[in-house]
């Protein structure tokens, strides 16, 4: 069994999700100094890769490459994505290509933080829900908090938080002490507040909505730029788009859209 390690090891996702899991499993590791689509596809063709992991932009570059499609894809059983949101249209495009060339793999989005041990939520082929980042791992528990750090009901949008045995002790400050970064609730349980907005359903699947600082408030309503971007990206004449907060001549907040 083989896995190509294209993510940097100085990042928790590349170190834990890539290098350490590969070594622990006893698989063949093919490390790359940095991701290049040409080189990556060469390794795919030379090795019967069992699993691939990456960030959405890496998968986009692979799908855009003329040599990506082929019989070498049939050996891939698992494909995981983290580090950014995976739009549903892109998910379908990737899965259709894999199925076309005989692969059982479907792209499984996940979510995590360095502060919580890199990977905290993940979809798996036997238990997945499109549009979500999966369910939390056994080593952690996910919750959604309101602005007062109270857990909210299923389906309610709030700040994603994690607790468990993989949490950091705190941010190391320049003077050597452990600083802020951990919230302790009334029961003494420690949590990492992610700064990301999301929701959890009755089955435990977590949906990532947006960075808390990326929410645009217009007339009292929360506008999520990612919703606008995900709606527009399937348009065939768009390569990239980004929705941001702007202001009109009267200094009222508006949405500005930048497109390529």
Protein backbone atom coordinates (compact mmCIF):
# COMPACT_ATOMS: atom_id res chain seq x y z
CA UNK A 1 0.00 0.00 0.00
CA UNK A 2 1.25 3.46 -0.89
CA UNK A 3 0.46 7.09 -0.11
CA UNK A 4 1.96 10.19 -1.71
CA UNK A 5 2.86 12.80 0.91
CA UNK A 6 2.48 16.15 -0.81
CA UNK A 7 1.43 18.25 2.17
CA UNK A 8 4.18 20.01 4.18
CA UNK A 9 5.24 18.23 7.37
CA UNK A 10 5.53 21.52 9.28
CA UNK A 11 1.72 21.70 9.07
CA UNK A 12 -0.28 19.50 11.46
CA UNK A 13 -2.47 18.09 8.67
CA UNK A 14 0.55 17.03 6.61
CA UNK A 15 2.38 15.67 9.67
CA UNK A 16 -0.48 13.79 11.37
CA UNK A 17 -2.85 13.02 8.49
CA UNK A 18 0.00 12.36 6.10
CA UNK A 19 3.35 11.22 7.50
CA UNK A 20 2.49 9.75 10.91
CA UNK A 21 -0.58 7.79 9.80
CA UNK A 22 1.38 6.39 6.86
CA UNK A 23 4.27 5.25 9.05
CA UNK A 24 1.89 3.86 11.69
CA UNK A 25 0.10 1.82 9.01
CA UNK A 26 3.37 0.50 7.62
CA UNK A 27 2.62 1.76 4.11
CA UNK A 28 5.06 2.88 1.47
CA UNK A 29 5.52 6.66 1.66
CA UNK A 30 6.37 8.82 -1.33
CA UNK A 31 7.26 12.27 0.07
CA UNK A 32 7.36 15.39 -2.09
CA UNK A 33 9.33 18.54 -1.27
CA UNK A 34 6.32 20.55 -2.47
CA UNK A 35 3.23 19.82 -4.50
CA UNK A 36 3.56 19.98 -8.26
CA UNK A 37 0.74 18.47 -10.34
CA UNK A 38 3.09 17.00 -12.99
CA UNK A 39 5.30 15.27 -10.42
CA UNK A 40 2.32 14.10 -8.35
CA UNK A 41 0.68 12.43 -11.35
CA UNK A 42 3.98 10.77 -12.25
CA UNK A 43 4.03 9.19 -8.79
CA UNK A 44 0.38 8.17 -9.15
CA UNK A 45 1.19 6.30 -12.33
CA UNK A 46 4.33 4.66 -10.91
CA UNK A 47 2.72 3.49 -7.67
CA UNK A 48 -0.55 1.78 -6.89
CA UNK A 49 -1.65 4.50 -4.49
CA UNK A 50 -4.20 3.30 -1.95
CA UNK A 51 -5.02 6.65 -0.37
CA UNK A 52 -4.61 10.32 -1.22
CA UNK A 53 -4.99 13.36 1.05
CA UNK A 54 -4.82 17.01 0.18
CA UNK A 55 -6.42 20.43 0.24
CA UNK A 56 -9.16 21.44 -2.23
CA UNK A 57 -6.84 23.62 -4.31
CA UNK A 58 -4.50 20.65 -4.79
CA UNK A 59 -7.36 18.52 -6.09
CA UNK A 60 -8.48 21.34 -8.39
CA UNK A 61 -5.02 21.48 -9.96
CA UNK A 62 -5.00 17.71 -10.41
CA UNK A 63 -8.42 17.64 -12.08
CA UNK A 64 -7.38 20.46 -14.41
CA UNK A 65 -4.27 18.53 -15.51
CA UNK A 66 -4.67 16.61 -18.80
CA UNK A 67 -2.77 13.58 -17.46
CA UNK A 68 -4.78 13.09 -14.28
CA UNK A 69 -7.41 10.81 -15.76
CA UNK A 70 -6.44 7.21 -16.42
CA UNK A 71 -6.36 3.61 -15.26
CA UNK A 72 -3.95 4.48 -12.43
CA UNK A 73 -6.90 5.96 -10.52
CA UNK A 74 -8.54 2.57 -10.00
CA UNK A 75 -6.11 1.66 -7.20
CA UNK A 76 -7.19 4.61 -5.03
CA UNK A 77 -9.60 3.50 -2.28
CA UNK A 78 -9.70 6.60 -0.08
CA UNK A 79 -9.43 10.33 -0.83
CA UNK A 80 -9.57 12.91 1.95
CA UNK A 81 -9.72 16.71 1.78
CA UNK A 82 -9.15 19.28 4.51
CA UNK A 83 -7.95 22.82 5.02
CA UNK A 84 -10.80 24.51 3.18
CA UNK A 85 -14.43 24.13 2.12
CA UNK A 86 -15.20 21.62 -0.66
CA UNK A 87 -18.12 22.81 -2.85
CA UNK A 88 -20.72 20.17 -3.71
CA UNK A 89 -20.30 20.66 -7.47
CA UNK A 90 -16.57 20.02 -7.20
CA UNK A 91 -17.22 16.99 -4.99
CA UNK A 92 -19.47 15.49 -7.67
CA UNK A 93 -16.99 16.26 -10.44
CA UNK A 94 -14.17 14.50 -8.60
CA UNK A 95 -16.31 11.50 -7.67
CA UNK A 96 -17.59 11.10 -11.23
CA UNK A 97 -14.03 10.98 -12.60
CA UNK A 98 -12.95 8.43 -10.02
CA UNK A 99 -15.93 6.21 -10.79
CA UNK A 100 -15.31 6.53 -14.54
CA UNK A 101 -11.88 4.95 -14.14
CA UNK A 102 -12.90 2.20 -11.74
CA UNK A 103 -11.96 3.74 -8.39
CA UNK A 104 -14.06 3.12 -5.29
CA UNK A 105 -12.84 6.39 -3.79
CA UNK A 106 -15.09 9.37 -3.21
CA UNK A 107 -13.70 12.63 -1.87
CA UNK A 108 -14.24 12.78 1.90
CA UNK A 109 -14.14 16.33 3.36
CA UNK A 110 -12.92 16.77 6.92
CA UNK A 111 -12.10 19.53 9.37
CA UNK A 112 -9.62 20.17 12.15
CA UNK A 113 -7.19 22.51 13.85
CA UNK A 114 -3.56 22.29 14.84
CA UNK A 115 -4.70 23.27 18.34
CA UNK A 116 -6.81 20.09 18.53
CA UNK A 117 -4.48 17.56 16.91
CA UNK A 118 -4.95 18.34 13.21
CA UNK A 119 -8.01 16.24 12.25
CA UNK A 120 -11.16 16.41 14.37
CA UNK A 121 -14.04 15.65 12.01
CA UNK A 122 -14.06 13.43 8.94
CA UNK A 123 -16.45 11.80 6.50
CA UNK A 124 -15.85 8.12 5.84
CA UNK A 125 -17.15 6.05 2.90
CA UNK A 126 -19.38 3.98 5.16
CA UNK A 127 -20.81 7.00 7.01
CA UNK A 128 -20.88 10.22 5.06
CA UNK A 129 -23.15 13.17 4.41
CA UNK A 130 -22.45 15.52 1.45
CA UNK A 131 -22.14 19.17 2.42
CA UNK A 132 -20.72 18.36 5.86
CA UNK A 133 -17.20 17.84 7.21
CA UNK A 134 -18.24 14.57 8.84
CA UNK A 135 -18.53 13.49 12.45
CA UNK A 136 -15.99 14.09 15.19
CA UNK A 137 -13.35 11.46 15.91
CA UNK A 138 -13.43 9.35 19.07
CA UNK A 139 -10.58 11.38 20.54
CA UNK A 140 -12.58 14.62 20.46
CA UNK A 141 -16.10 15.93 20.95
CA UNK A 142 -17.58 18.74 18.87
CA UNK A 143 -20.12 21.26 20.11
CA UNK A 144 -21.70 24.48 18.86
CA UNK A 145 -21.59 27.45 21.25
CA UNK A 146 -23.48 30.72 21.30
CA UNK A 147 -21.78 34.03 22.16
CA UNK A 148 -22.03 33.17 25.87
CA UNK A 149 -20.35 29.76 25.40
CA UNK A 150 -23.57 27.81 25.92
CA UNK A 151 -24.28 24.79 23.72
CA UNK A 152 -27.06 25.42 21.21
CA UNK A 153 -29.68 22.95 19.87
CA UNK A 154 -29.10 20.73 16.83
CA UNK A 155 -29.21 22.65 13.57
CA UNK A 156 -28.49 26.03 15.18
CA UNK A 157 -25.56 28.04 13.82
CA UNK A 158 -22.88 29.04 16.31
CA UNK A 159 -19.15 28.77 16.98
CA UNK A 160 -17.58 25.33 16.52
CA UNK A 161 -15.72 24.13 19.64
CA UNK A 162 -13.80 20.98 20.50
CA UNK A 163 -12.87 19.17 23.68
CA UNK A 164 -10.94 15.92 24.16
CA UNK A 165 -7.53 14.46 24.88
CA UNK A 166 -5.77 15.97 21.86
CA UNK A 167 -6.17 19.63 22.84
CA UNK A 168 -3.20 21.93 23.21
CA UNK A 169 -2.28 23.29 26.64
CA UNK A 170 -2.43 26.85 25.33
CA UNK A 171 -0.56 29.23 23.04
CA UNK A 172 3.10 29.63 23.96
CA UNK A 173 3.78 33.31 24.52
CA UNK A 174 7.08 35.10 23.79
CA UNK A 175 7.91 35.21 27.52
CA UNK A 176 7.64 31.41 27.79
CA UNK A 177 4.29 31.14 29.57
CA UNK A 178 1.18 29.46 28.22
CA UNK A 179 -1.26 32.12 27.15
CA UNK A 180 -4.86 32.24 26.09
CA UNK A 181 -6.58 29.83 23.72
CA UNK A 182 -8.41 27.44 26.04
CA UNK A 183 -11.92 28.02 27.40
CA UNK A 184 -12.82 26.17 30.63
CA UNK A 185 -16.54 25.64 31.21
CA UNK A 186 -18.40 25.53 34.54
CA UNK A 187 -17.72 21.79 34.86
CA UNK A 188 -13.97 22.27 34.41
CA UNK A 189 -13.97 20.86 30.88
CA UNK A 190 -11.50 22.54 28.53
CA UNK A 191 -12.48 23.61 25.02
CA UNK A 192 -10.78 25.14 22.01
CA UNK A 193 -12.97 27.79 20.38
CA UNK A 194 -12.29 27.64 16.66
CA UNK A 195 -13.49 31.04 15.50
CA UNK A 196 -15.49 29.20 12.82
CA UNK A 197 -19.26 29.14 12.48
CA UNK A 198 -21.12 25.91 11.89
CA UNK A 199 -23.88 23.59 13.02
CA UNK A 200 -24.35 19.96 14.09
CA UNK A 201 -27.30 17.75 13.16
CA UNK A 202 -28.96 14.96 15.16
CA UNK A 203 -26.60 12.36 13.66
CA UNK A 204 -23.50 14.28 14.75
CA UNK A 205 -22.48 15.57 11.32
CA UNK A 206 -20.81 18.97 11.46
CA UNK A 207 -21.42 21.59 8.78
CA UNK A 208 -18.81 24.33 8.40
CA UNK A 209 -20.40 27.66 7.49
CA UNK A 210 -17.74 30.38 7.55
CA UNK A 211 -15.02 32.05 9.52
CA UNK A 212 -16.64 34.12 12.25
CA UNK A 213 -14.81 37.21 11.02
CA UNK A 214 -16.03 36.57 7.48
CA UNK A 215 -19.73 37.00 8.25
CA UNK A 216 -21.28 40.14 6.76
CA UNK A 217 -24.19 41.63 8.71
CA UNK A 218 -26.68 43.47 6.51
CA UNK A 219 -29.95 44.82 7.95
CA UNK A 220 -29.51 42.51 10.93
CA UNK A 221 -29.09 39.37 8.81
CA UNK A 222 -25.97 37.20 8.72
CA UNK A 223 -24.71 36.90 5.14
CA UNK A 224 -22.17 34.13 4.55
CA UNK A 225 -19.79 34.97 1.66
CA UNK A 226 -19.12 31.26 1.13
CA UNK A 227 -22.79 30.72 0.26
CA UNK A 228 -22.54 33.32 -2.50
CA UNK A 229 -19.25 31.90 -3.80
CA UNK A 230 -20.53 28.32 -3.80
CA UNK A 231 -23.64 29.37 -5.72
CA UNK A 232 -21.59 31.12 -8.41
CA UNK A 233 -18.60 28.78 -8.84
CA UNK A 234 -20.48 26.18 -10.97
CA UNK A 235 -20.93 28.85 -13.68
CA UNK A 236 -18.75 27.67 -16.60
CA UNK A 237 -17.28 31.11 -17.32
CA UNK A 238 -15.98 31.67 -13.76
CA UNK A 239 -12.52 30.54 -12.70
CA UNK A 240 -12.52 32.10 -9.21
CA UNK A 241 -14.71 34.39 -7.14
CA UNK A 242 -14.54 36.01 -3.73
CA UNK A 243 -17.32 37.81 -1.83
CA UNK A 244 -16.21 40.37 0.76
CA UNK A 245 -17.72 43.14 2.85
CA UNK A 246 -17.81 46.60 1.37
CA UNK A 247 -19.58 49.88 2.04
CA UNK A 248 -21.74 52.11 -0.13
CA UNK A 249 -21.60 55.90 -0.33
CA UNK A 250 -23.62 56.16 2.87
CA UNK A 251 -21.19 53.84 4.72
CA UNK A 252 -23.78 51.07 4.88
CA UNK A 253 -22.41 47.51 4.58
CA UNK A 254 -22.81 45.78 1.23
CA UNK A 255 -21.39 42.70 -0.45
CA UNK A 256 -18.67 43.20 -3.04
CA UNK A 257 -17.93 40.37 -5.43
CA UNK A 258 -14.57 39.89 -7.15
CA UNK A 259 -14.46 37.45 -10.04
CA UNK A 260 -11.98 35.97 -12.51
